[in-house]
Amino acid sequence: MLLIDCPHCGPRNEVEYAYGGQAHVARPEDPYALDDREWAEYLFYRDNPRGDYAERWHHTGGCRKWFNAIRDTATYEFRATYPAGSARPATGPGPTSHEGVQP
């Protein structure tokens, strides 16, 4: 089991949380001006990096608040959690890219 550190409640078991997708995805300024391709990109296209990734999480079994987390997608390690609406924090040293690494 993973322990996820809710910025409002502290560390809790992963079963209390629901994954919410990529964090910091900007909503369209004028949704009526988008064509089908642009809507598809907004709704379905997300980054898929190996390394640090900003995600949204919902603490469904606790405070019921949304927050963001930086998680390493290769190791599942949570590097930072922070309230929704806050800027992404610097996560310090650690892998952000695995160029040249064979799967």
PDB file of N, CA and C in Angstrom:
ATOM      1  N   MET A   1       0.829  -1.187   0.000  1.00  0.00           N
ATOM      2  CA  MET A   1       0.000   0.000   0.000  1.00  0.00           C
ATOM      3  C   MET A   1       0.869   1.244   0.000  1.00  0.00           C
ATOM      4  N   LEU A   2       0.373   2.267  -0.663  1.00  0.00           N
ATOM      5  CA  LEU A   2       1.051   3.558  -0.680  1.00  0.00           C
ATOM      6  C   LEU A   2       0.463   4.459   0.393  1.00  0.00           C
ATOM      7  N   LEU A   3       1.289   5.282   0.975  1.00  0.00           N
ATOM      8  CA  LEU A   3       0.825   6.362   1.842  1.00  0.00           C
ATOM      9  C   LEU A   3       0.890   7.634   1.025  1.00  0.00           C
ATOM     10  N   ILE A   4      -0.226   8.327   0.943  1.00  0.00           N
ATOM     11  CA  ILE A   4      -0.289   9.591   0.211  1.00  0.00           C
ATOM     12  C   ILE A   4      -0.498  10.683   1.239  1.00  0.00           C
ATOM     13  N   ASP A   5       0.341  11.713   1.168  1.00  0.00           N
ATOM     14  CA  ASP A   5       0.314  12.794   2.146  1.00  0.00           C
ATOM     15  C   ASP A   5      -0.645  13.891   1.685  1.00  0.00           C
ATOM     16  N   CYS A   6      -1.874  13.849   2.173  1.00  0.00           N
ATOM     17  CA  CYS A   6      -2.848  14.895   1.862  1.00  0.00           C
ATOM     18  C   CYS A   6      -2.357  16.201   2.486  1.00  0.00           C
ATOM     19  N   PRO A   7      -2.299  17.300   1.716  1.00  0.00           N
ATOM     20  CA  PRO A   7      -1.822  18.564   2.298  1.00  0.00           C
ATOM     21  C   PRO A   7      -2.769  19.131   3.354  1.00  0.00           C
ATOM     22  N   HIS A   8      -3.979  18.587   3.474  1.00  0.00           N
ATOM     23  CA  HIS A   8      -4.958  19.071   4.441  1.00  0.00           C
ATOM     24  C   HIS A   8      -5.073  18.156   5.660  1.00  0.00           C
ATOM     25  N   CYS A   9      -4.872  16.826   5.471  1.00  0.00           N
ATOM     26  CA  CYS A   9      -5.101  15.852   6.540  1.00  0.00           C
ATOM     27  C   CYS A   9      -3.850  15.093   6.986  1.00  0.00           C
ATOM     28  N   GLY A  10      -2.803  15.120   6.185  1.00  0.00           N
ATOM     29  CA  GLY A  10      -1.613  14.349   6.501  1.00  0.00           C
ATOM     30  C   GLY A  10      -1.628  12.999   5.783  1.00  0.00           C
ATOM     31  N   PRO A  11      -0.660  12.142   6.094  1.00  0.00           N
ATOM     32  CA  PRO A  11      -0.535  10.857   5.395  1.00  0.00           C
ATOM     33  C   PRO A  11      -1.713   9.921   5.666  1.00  0.00           C
ATOM     34  N   ARG A  12      -2.227   9.338   4.588  1.00  0.00           N
ATOM     35  CA  ARG A  12      -3.320   8.380   4.674  1.00  0.00           C
ATOM     36  C   ARG A  12      -3.080   7.271   3.650  1.00  0.00           C
ATOM     37  N   ASN A  13      -3.753   6.148   3.839  1.00  0.00           N
ATOM     38  CA  ASN A  13      -3.649   5.000   2.946  1.00  0.00           C
ATOM     39  C   ASN A  13      -4.234   5.325   1.573  1.00  0.00           C
ATOM     40  N   GLU A  14      -3.653   4.768   0.533  1.00  0.00           N
ATOM     41  CA  GLU A  14      -4.079   5.060  -0.842  1.00  0.00           C
ATOM     42  C   GLU A  14      -5.538   4.730  -1.124  1.00  0.00           C
ATOM     43  N   VAL A  15      -6.171   3.844  -0.372  1.00  0.00           N
ATOM     44  CA  VAL A  15      -7.564   3.481  -0.628  1.00  0.00           C
ATOM     45  C   VAL A  15      -8.521   4.637  -0.344  1.00  0.00           C
ATOM     46  N   GLU A  16      -8.046   5.674   0.354  1.00  0.00           N
ATOM     47  CA  GLU A  16      -8.882   6.842   0.647  1.00  0.00           C
ATOM     48  C   GLU A  16      -8.929   7.850  -0.489  1.00  0.00           C
ATOM     49  N   TYR A  17      -8.184   7.602  -1.584  1.00  0.00           N
ATOM     50  CA  TYR A  17      -8.026   8.588  -2.638  1.00  0.00           C
ATOM     51  C   TYR A  17      -8.555   8.103  -3.980  1.00  0.00           C
ATOM     52  N   ALA A  18      -8.905   9.060  -4.825  1.00  0.00           N
ATOM     53  CA  ALA A  18      -9.279   8.785  -6.213  1.00  0.00           C
ATOM     54  C   ALA A  18      -8.374   9.618  -7.116  1.00  0.00           C
ATOM     55  N   TYR A  19      -7.848   8.979  -8.148  1.00  0.00           N
ATOM     56  CA  TYR A  19      -6.972   9.647  -9.100  1.00  0.00           C
ATOM     57  C   TYR A  19      -7.794  10.568  -9.989  1.00  0.00           C
ATOM     58  N   GLY A  20      -7.269  11.758 -10.293  1.00  0.00           N
ATOM     59  CA  GLY A  20      -8.023  12.730 -11.078  1.00  0.00           C
ATOM     60  C   GLY A  20      -7.365  13.161 -12.372  1.00  0.00           C
ATOM     61  N   GLY A  21      -6.292  12.499 -12.787  1.00  0.00           N
ATOM     62  CA  GLY A  21      -5.666  12.846 -14.053  1.00  0.00           C
ATOM     63  C   GLY A  21      -4.555  13.869 -13.918  1.00  0.00           C
ATOM     64  N   GLN A  22      -4.111  14.359 -15.050  1.00  0.00           N
ATOM     65  CA  GLN A  22      -3.005  15.310 -15.110  1.00  0.00           C
ATOM     66  C   GLN A  22      -3.398  16.646 -14.484  1.00  0.00           C
ATOM     67  N   ALA A  23      -2.501  17.215 -13.713  1.00  0.00           N
ATOM     68  CA  ALA A  23      -2.733  18.523 -13.092  1.00  0.00           C
ATOM     69  C   ALA A  23      -2.323  19.637 -14.038  1.00  0.00           C
ATOM     70  N   HIS A  24      -2.819  20.818 -13.776  1.00  0.00           N
ATOM     71  CA  HIS A  24      -2.445  22.043 -14.483  1.00  0.00           C
ATOM     72  C   HIS A  24      -2.832  22.026 -15.963  1.00  0.00           C
ATOM     73  N   VAL A  25      -3.961  21.420 -16.294  1.00  0.00           N
ATOM     74  CA  VAL A  25      -4.476  21.451 -17.664  1.00  0.00           C
ATOM     75  C   VAL A  25      -5.390  22.673 -17.760  1.00  0.00           C
ATOM     76  N   ALA A  26      -5.014  23.622 -18.599  1.00  0.00           N
ATOM     77  CA  ALA A  26      -5.768  24.866 -18.719  1.00  0.00           C
ATOM     78  C   ALA A  26      -7.069  24.652 -19.498  1.00  0.00           C
ATOM     79  N   ARG A  27      -8.147  25.190 -18.980  1.00  0.00           N
ATOM     80  CA  ARG A  27      -9.425  25.134 -19.695  1.00  0.00           C
ATOM     81  C   ARG A  27      -9.389  26.105 -20.871  1.00  0.00           C
ATOM     82  N   PRO A  28     -10.117  25.796 -21.939  1.00  0.00           N
ATOM     83  CA  PRO A  28     -10.142  26.714 -23.081  1.00  0.00           C
ATOM     84  C   PRO A  28     -10.765  28.062 -22.687  1.00  0.00           C
ATOM     85  N   GLU A  29     -10.170  29.148 -23.164  1.00  0.00           N
ATOM     86  CA  GLU A  29     -10.715  30.475 -22.861  1.00  0.00           C
ATOM     87  C   GLU A  29     -12.051  30.705 -23.555  1.00  0.00           C
ATOM     88  N   ASP A  30     -12.179  30.256 -24.792  1.00  0.00           N
ATOM     89  CA  ASP A  30     -13.429  30.384 -25.545  1.00  0.00           C
ATOM     90  C   ASP A  30     -13.818  29.003 -26.075  1.00  0.00           C
ATOM     91  N   PRO A  31     -14.547  28.214 -25.280  1.00  0.00           N
ATOM     92  CA  PRO A  31     -14.870  26.846 -25.693  1.00  0.00           C
ATOM     93  C   PRO A  31     -15.685  26.775 -26.985  1.00  0.00           C
ATOM     94  N   TYR A  32     -16.451  27.813 -27.281  1.00  0.00           N
ATOM     95  CA  TYR A  32     -17.272  27.805 -28.491  1.00  0.00           C
ATOM     96  C   TYR A  32     -16.441  27.982 -29.757  1.00  0.00           C
ATOM     97  N   ALA A  33     -15.210  28.429 -29.612  1.00  0.00           N
ATOM     98  CA  ALA A  33     -14.349  28.640 -30.772  1.00  0.00           C
ATOM     99  C   ALA A  33     -13.549  27.385 -31.154  1.00  0.00           C
ATOM    100  N   LEU A  34     -13.629  26.329 -30.342  1.00  0.00           N
ATOM    101  CA  LEU A  34     -12.849  25.124 -30.611  1.00  0.00           C
ATOM    102  C   LEU A  34     -13.521  24.237 -31.653  1.00  0.00           C
ATOM    103  N   ASP A  35     -12.716  23.681 -32.532  1.00  0.00           N
ATOM    104  CA  ASP A  35     -13.248  22.689 -33.465  1.00  0.00           C
ATOM    105  C   ASP A  35     -13.123  21.296 -32.820  1.00  0.00           C
ATOM    106  N   ASP A  36     -13.562  20.258 -33.514  1.00  0.00           N
ATOM    107  CA  ASP A  36     -13.563  18.907 -32.943  1.00  0.00           C
ATOM    108  C   ASP A  36     -12.169  18.425 -32.569  1.00  0.00           C
ATOM    109  N   ARG A  37     -11.167  18.729 -33.389  1.00  0.00           N
ATOM    110  CA  ARG A  37      -9.802  18.308 -33.099  1.00  0.00           C
ATOM    111  C   ARG A  37      -9.296  18.968 -31.826  1.00  0.00           C
ATOM    112  N   GLU A  38      -9.561  20.261 -31.669  1.00  0.00           N
ATOM    113  CA  GLU A  38      -9.112  20.987 -30.477  1.00  0.00           C
ATOM    114  C   GLU A  38      -9.818  20.488 -29.215  1.00  0.00           C
ATOM    115  N   TRP A  39     -11.132  20.165 -29.334  1.00  0.00           N
ATOM    116  CA  TRP A  39     -11.858  19.601 -28.189  1.00  0.00           C
ATOM    117  C   TRP A  39     -11.266  18.252 -27.808  1.00  0.00           C
ATOM    118  N   ALA A  40     -10.965  17.424 -28.792  1.00  0.00           N
ATOM    119  CA  ALA A  40     -10.374  16.110 -28.519  1.00  0.00           C
ATOM    120  C   ALA A  40      -9.037  16.267 -27.802  1.00  0.00           C
ATOM    121  N   GLU A  41      -8.221  17.215 -28.246  1.00  0.00           N
ATOM    122  CA  GLU A  41      -6.934  17.443 -27.595  1.00  0.00           C
ATOM    123  C   GLU A  41      -7.122  17.891 -26.145  1.00  0.00           C
ATOM    124  N   TYR A  42      -8.080  18.772 -25.906  1.00  0.00           N
ATOM    125  CA  TYR A  42      -8.328  19.244 -24.540  1.00  0.00           C
ATOM    126  C   TYR A  42      -8.848  18.113 -23.645  1.00  0.00           C
ATOM    127  N   LEU A  43      -9.771  17.323 -24.153  1.00  0.00           N
ATOM    128  CA  LEU A  43     -10.406  16.293 -23.331  1.00  0.00           C
ATOM    129  C   LEU A  43      -9.568  15.038 -23.131  1.00  0.00           C
ATOM    130  N   PHE A  44      -8.838  14.608 -24.167  1.00  0.00           N
ATOM    131  CA  PHE A  44      -8.240  13.280 -24.124  1.00  0.00           C
ATOM    132  C   PHE A  44      -6.724  13.236 -24.174  1.00  0.00           C
ATOM    133  N   TYR A  45      -6.075  14.243 -24.709  1.00  0.00           N
ATOM    134  CA  TYR A  45      -4.627  14.186 -24.868  1.00  0.00           C
ATOM    135  C   TYR A  45      -3.943  14.641 -23.583  1.00  0.00           C
ATOM    136  N   ARG A  46      -3.117  13.765 -23.030  1.00  0.00           N
ATOM    137  CA  ARG A  46      -2.374  14.081 -21.813  1.00  0.00           C
ATOM    138  C   ARG A  46      -0.931  13.645 -21.982  1.00  0.00           C
ATOM    139  N   ASP A  47      -0.063  14.271 -21.201  1.00  0.00           N
ATOM    140  CA  ASP A  47       1.335  13.877 -21.198  1.00  0.00           C
ATOM    141  C   ASP A  47       1.450  12.470 -20.608  1.00  0.00           C
ATOM    142  N   ASN A  48       2.486  11.750 -21.008  1.00  0.00           N
ATOM    143  CA  ASN A  48       2.721  10.411 -20.484  1.00  0.00           C
ATOM    144  C   ASN A  48       4.217  10.218 -20.279  1.00  0.00           C
ATOM    145  N   PRO A  49       4.812  11.029 -19.382  1.00  0.00           N
ATOM    146  CA  PRO A  49       6.258  10.968 -19.210  1.00  0.00           C
ATOM    147  C   PRO A  49       6.679   9.809 -18.310  1.00  0.00           C
ATOM    148  N   ARG A  50       7.923   9.472 -18.412  1.00  0.00           N
ATOM    149  CA  ARG A  50       8.521   8.565 -17.443  1.00  0.00           C
ATOM    150  C   ARG A  50       9.344   9.456 -16.521  1.00  0.00           C
ATOM    151  N   GLY A  51       8.963   9.511 -15.271  1.00  0.00           N
ATOM    152  CA  GLY A  51       9.614  10.397 -14.311  1.00  0.00           C
ATOM    153  C   GLY A  51       8.576  11.239 -13.600  1.00  0.00           C
ATOM    154  N   ASP A  52       8.981  12.399 -13.131  1.00  0.00           N
ATOM    155  CA  ASP A  52       8.076  13.267 -12.358  1.00  0.00           C
ATOM    156  C   ASP A  52       6.896  13.736 -13.200  1.00  0.00           C
ATOM    157  N   TYR A  53       5.695  13.665 -12.598  1.00  0.00           N
ATOM    158  CA  TYR A  53       4.449  13.973 -13.295  1.00  0.00           C
ATOM    159  C   TYR A  53       3.507  14.652 -12.305  1.00  0.00           C
ATOM    160  N   ALA A  54       2.921  15.768 -12.695  1.00  0.00           N
ATOM    161  CA  ALA A  54       1.964  16.482 -11.839  1.00  0.00           C
ATOM    162  C   ALA A  54       0.576  15.885 -12.050  1.00  0.00           C
ATOM    163  N   GLU A  55      -0.043  15.445 -10.951  1.00  0.00           N
ATOM    164  CA  GLU A  55      -1.350  14.780 -11.004  1.00  0.00           C
ATOM    165  C   GLU A  55      -2.331  15.446 -10.046  1.00  0.00           C
ATOM    166  N   ARG A  56      -3.618  15.213 -10.304  1.00  0.00           N
ATOM    167  CA  ARG A  56      -4.681  15.654  -9.396  1.00  0.00           C
ATOM    168  C   ARG A  56      -5.157  14.435  -8.601  1.00  0.00           C
ATOM    169  N   TRP A  57      -5.446  14.646  -7.329  1.00  0.00           N
ATOM    170  CA  TRP A  57      -5.972  13.584  -6.474  1.00  0.00           C
ATOM    171  C   TRP A  57      -7.128  14.138  -5.650  1.00  0.00           C
ATOM    172  N   HIS A  58      -8.089  13.272  -5.341  1.00  0.00           N
ATOM    173  CA  HIS A  58      -9.263  13.644  -4.544  1.00  0.00           C
ATOM    174  C   HIS A  58      -9.257  12.780  -3.289  1.00  0.00           C
ATOM    175  N   HIS A  59      -9.261  13.408  -2.138  1.00  0.00           N
ATOM    176  CA  HIS A  59      -9.268  12.666  -0.873  1.00  0.00           C
ATOM    177  C   HIS A  59     -10.710  12.297  -0.515  1.00  0.00           C
ATOM    178  N   THR A  60     -11.203  11.268  -1.165  1.00  0.00           N
ATOM    179  CA  THR A  60     -12.607  10.867  -1.036  1.00  0.00           C
ATOM    180  C   THR A  60     -12.944  10.292   0.331  1.00  0.00           C
ATOM    181  N   GLY A  61     -11.978   9.665   1.003  1.00  0.00           N
ATOM    182  CA  GLY A  61     -12.243   9.044   2.298  1.00  0.00           C
ATOM    183  C   GLY A  61     -11.832   9.912   3.465  1.00  0.00           C
ATOM    184  N   GLY A  62     -11.562  11.175   3.228  1.00  0.00           N
ATOM    185  CA  GLY A  62     -11.126  12.080   4.297  1.00  0.00           C
ATOM    186  C   GLY A  62     -11.785  13.426   4.152  1.00  0.00           C
ATOM    187  N   CYS A  63     -10.986  14.434   3.873  1.00  0.00           N
ATOM    188  CA  CYS A  63     -11.482  15.811   3.814  1.00  0.00           C
ATOM    189  C   CYS A  63     -12.291  16.112   2.552  1.00  0.00           C
ATOM    190  N   ARG A  64     -12.253  15.227   1.559  1.00  0.00           N
ATOM    191  CA  ARG A  64     -12.980  15.349   0.292  1.00  0.00           C
ATOM    192  C   ARG A  64     -12.491  16.532  -0.543  1.00  0.00           C
ATOM    193  N   LYS A  65     -11.281  16.999  -0.307  1.00  0.00           N
ATOM    194  CA  LYS A  65     -10.706  18.096  -1.080  1.00  0.00           C
ATOM    195  C   LYS A  65      -9.813  17.563  -2.191  1.00  0.00           C
ATOM    196  N   TRP A  66      -9.721  18.337  -3.261  1.00  0.00           N
ATOM    197  CA  TRP A  66      -8.802  18.041  -4.355  1.00  0.00           C
ATOM    198  C   TRP A  66      -7.453  18.663  -4.032  1.00  0.00           C
ATOM    199  N   PHE A  67      -6.381  17.972  -4.454  1.00  0.00           N
ATOM    200  CA  PHE A  67      -5.037  18.522  -4.325  1.00  0.00           C
ATOM    201  C   PHE A  67      -4.185  17.978  -5.462  1.00  0.00           C
ATOM    202  N   ASN A  68      -2.993  18.520  -5.600  1.00  0.00           N
ATOM    203  CA  ASN A  68      -2.069  18.084  -6.636  1.00  0.00           C
ATOM    204  C   ASN A  68      -0.893  17.365  -6.005  1.00  0.00           C
ATOM    205  N   ALA A  69      -0.274  16.504  -6.781  1.00  0.00           N
ATOM    206  CA  ALA A  69       0.901  15.762  -6.323  1.00  0.00           C
ATOM    207  C   ALA A  69       1.890  15.638  -7.464  1.00  0.00           C
ATOM    208  N   ILE A  70       3.169  15.585  -7.121  1.00  0.00           N
ATOM    209  CA  ILE A  70       4.218  15.253  -8.072  1.00  0.00           C
ATOM    210  C   ILE A  70       4.605  13.816  -7.754  1.00  0.00           C
ATOM    211  N   ARG A  71       4.446  12.930  -8.751  1.00  0.00           N
ATOM    212  CA  ARG A  71       4.732  11.511  -8.540  1.00  0.00           C
ATOM    213  C   ARG A  71       5.657  11.026  -9.644  1.00  0.00           C
ATOM    214  N   ASP A  72       6.628  10.214  -9.279  1.00  0.00           N
ATOM    215  CA  ASP A  72       7.516   9.597 -10.256  1.00  0.00           C
ATOM    216  C   ASP A  72       6.781   8.395 -10.848  1.00  0.00           C
ATOM    217  N   THR A  73       6.521   8.421 -12.137  1.00  0.00           N
ATOM    218  CA  THR A  73       5.742   7.362 -12.772  1.00  0.00           C
ATOM    219  C   THR A  73       6.527   6.063 -12.916  1.00  0.00           C
ATOM    220  N   ALA A  74       7.841   6.095 -12.765  1.00  0.00           N
ATOM    221  CA  ALA A  74       8.647   4.875 -12.856  1.00  0.00           C
ATOM    222  C   ALA A  74       8.716   4.140 -11.520  1.00  0.00           C
ATOM    223  N   THR A  75       8.708   4.887 -10.408  1.00  0.00           N
ATOM    224  CA  THR A  75       8.857   4.267  -9.085  1.00  0.00           C
ATOM    225  C   THR A  75       7.607   4.379  -8.213  1.00  0.00           C
ATOM    226  N   TYR A  76       6.618   5.159  -8.626  1.00  0.00           N
ATOM    227  CA  TYR A  76       5.394   5.457  -7.877  1.00  0.00           C
ATOM    228  C   TYR A  76       5.653   6.326  -6.648  1.00  0.00           C
ATOM    229  N   GLU A  77       6.866   6.828  -6.454  1.00  0.00           N
ATOM    230  CA  GLU A  77       7.195   7.667  -5.308  1.00  0.00           C
ATOM    231  C   GLU A  77       6.528   9.034  -5.444  1.00  0.00           C
ATOM    232  N   PHE A  78       5.843   9.451  -4.378  1.00  0.00           N
ATOM    233  CA  PHE A  78       5.275  10.795  -4.328  1.00  0.00           C
ATOM    234  C   PHE A  78       6.375  11.725  -3.849  1.00  0.00           C
ATOM    235  N   ARG A  79       6.727  12.713  -4.668  1.00  0.00           N
ATOM    236  CA  ARG A  79       7.803  13.637  -4.322  1.00  0.00           C
ATOM    237  C   ARG A  79       7.281  14.871  -3.591  1.00  0.00           C
ATOM    238  N   ALA A  80       6.035  15.260  -3.850  1.00  0.00           N
ATOM    239  CA  ALA A  80       5.449  16.436  -3.186  1.00  0.00           C
ATOM    240  C   ALA A  80       3.938  16.393  -3.360  1.00  0.00           C
ATOM    241  N   THR A  81       3.220  16.974  -2.401  1.00  0.00           N
ATOM    242  CA  THR A  81       1.783  17.217  -2.535  1.00  0.00           C
ATOM    243  C   THR A  81       1.549  18.684  -2.170  1.00  0.00           C
ATOM    244  N   TYR A  82       0.526  19.281  -2.796  1.00  0.00           N
ATOM    245  CA  TYR A  82       0.255  20.697  -2.555  1.00  0.00           C
ATOM    246  C   TYR A  82      -1.198  20.988  -2.904  1.00  0.00           C
ATOM    247  N   PRO A  83      -1.796  22.019  -2.285  1.00  0.00           N
ATOM    248  CA  PRO A  83      -3.209  22.322  -2.511  1.00  0.00           C
ATOM    249  C   PRO A  83      -3.518  22.664  -3.968  1.00  0.00           C
ATOM    250  N   ALA A  84      -4.702  22.324  -4.405  1.00  0.00           N
ATOM    251  CA  ALA A  84      -5.159  22.696  -5.751  1.00  0.00           C
ATOM    252  C   ALA A  84      -5.145  24.214  -5.875  1.00  0.00           C
ATOM    253  N   GLY A  85      -4.748  24.693  -7.031  1.00  0.00           N
ATOM    254  CA  GLY A  85      -4.675  26.122  -7.259  1.00  0.00           C
ATOM    255  C   GLY A  85      -3.321  26.721  -6.937  1.00  0.00           C
ATOM    256  N   SER A  86      -2.458  25.956  -6.283  1.00  0.00           N
ATOM    257  CA  SER A  86      -1.109  26.425  -5.975  1.00  0.00           C
ATOM    258  C   SER A  86      -0.174  26.129  -7.133  1.00  0.00           C
ATOM    259  N   ALA A  87       0.925  26.848  -7.179  1.00  0.00           N
ATOM    260  CA  ALA A  87       1.937  26.601  -8.208  1.00  0.00           C
ATOM    261  C   ALA A  87       2.662  25.290  -7.922  1.00  0.00           C
ATOM    262  N   ARG A  88       3.134  24.671  -8.979  1.00  0.00           N
ATOM    263  CA  ARG A  88       3.886  23.422  -8.842  1.00  0.00           C
ATOM    264  C   ARG A  88       5.204  23.708  -8.111  1.00  0.00           C
ATOM    265  N   PRO A  89       5.492  22.977  -7.022  1.00  0.00           N
ATOM    266  CA  PRO A  89       6.733  23.224  -6.285  1.00  0.00           C
ATOM    267  C   PRO A  89       7.934  22.584  -6.982  1.00  0.00           C
ATOM    268  N   ALA A  90       9.112  23.092  -6.659  1.00  0.00           N
ATOM    269  CA  ALA A  90      10.341  22.446  -7.122  1.00  0.00           C
ATOM    270  C   ALA A  90      10.489  21.158  -6.313  1.00  0.00           C
ATOM    271  N   THR A  91      10.814  20.076  -6.983  1.00  0.00           N
ATOM    272  CA  THR A  91      10.911  18.789  -6.289  1.00  0.00           C
ATOM    273  C   THR A  91      12.339  18.398  -5.981  1.00  0.00           C
ATOM    274  N   GLY A  92      13.291  19.265  -6.284  1.00  0.00           N
ATOM    275  CA  GLY A  92      14.673  18.984  -5.960  1.00  0.00           C
ATOM    276  C   GLY A  92      15.284  17.946  -6.874  1.00  0.00           C
ATOM    277  N   PRO A  93      16.414  17.391  -6.459  1.00  0.00           N
ATOM    278  CA  PRO A  93      17.074  16.410  -7.317  1.00  0.00           C
ATOM    279  C   PRO A  93      16.237  15.149  -7.434  1.00  0.00           C
ATOM    280  N   GLY A  94      16.418  14.493  -8.519  1.00  0.00           N
ATOM    281  CA  GLY A  94      15.665  13.276  -8.772  1.00  0.00           C
ATOM    282  C   GLY A  94      15.403  13.160 -10.246  1.00  0.00           C
ATOM    283  N   PRO A  95      15.068  11.966 -10.693  1.00  0.00           N
ATOM    284  CA  PRO A  95      14.895  11.769 -12.132  1.00  0.00           C
ATOM    285  C   PRO A  95      13.670  12.505 -12.646  1.00  0.00           C
ATOM    286  N   THR A  96      13.862  13.267 -13.694  1.00  0.00           N
ATOM    287  CA  THR A  96      12.750  13.898 -14.383  1.00  0.00           C
ATOM    288  C   THR A  96      12.685  13.397 -15.805  1.00  0.00           C
ATOM    289  N   SER A  97      13.739  12.723 -16.240  1.00  0.00           N
ATOM    290  CA  SER A  97      13.798  12.188 -17.583  1.00  0.00           C
ATOM    291  C   SER A  97      14.670  10.955 -17.566  1.00  0.00           C
ATOM    292  N   HIS A  98      14.294   9.985 -18.326  1.00  0.00           N
ATOM    293  CA  HIS A  98      15.061   8.743 -18.402  1.00  0.00           C
ATOM    294  C   HIS A  98      15.507   8.500 -19.826  1.00  0.00           C
ATOM    295  N   GLU A  99      16.042   9.528 -20.457  1.00  0.00           N
ATOM    296  CA  GLU A  99      16.479   9.398 -21.850  1.00  0.00           C
ATOM    297  C   GLU A  99      17.595   8.376 -21.926  1.00  0.00           C
ATOM    298  N   GLY A 100      17.527   7.514 -22.906  1.00  0.00           N
ATOM    299  CA  GLY A 100      18.540   6.517 -23.115  1.00  0.00           C
ATOM    300  C   GLY A 100      18.381   5.263 -22.272  1.00  0.00           C
ATOM    301  N   VAL A 101      17.415   5.241 -21.358  1.00  0.00           N
ATOM    302  CA  VAL A 101      17.185   4.070 -20.531  1.00  0.00           C
ATOM    303  C   VAL A 101      16.317   3.097 -21.288  1.00  0.00           C
ATOM    304  N   GLN A 102      16.737   1.872 -21.361  1.00  0.00           N
ATOM    305  CA  GLN A 102      15.966   0.849 -22.063  1.00  0.00           C
ATOM    306  C   GLN A 102      14.908   0.284 -21.127  1.00  0.00           C
ATOM    307  N   PRO A 103      13.673   0.100 -21.625  1.00  0.00           N
ATOM    308  CA  PRO A 103      12.615  -0.460 -20.768  1.00  0.00           C
ATOM    309  C   PRO A 103      12.864  -1.923 -20.478  1.00  0.00           C
TER     310      PRO A 103
END
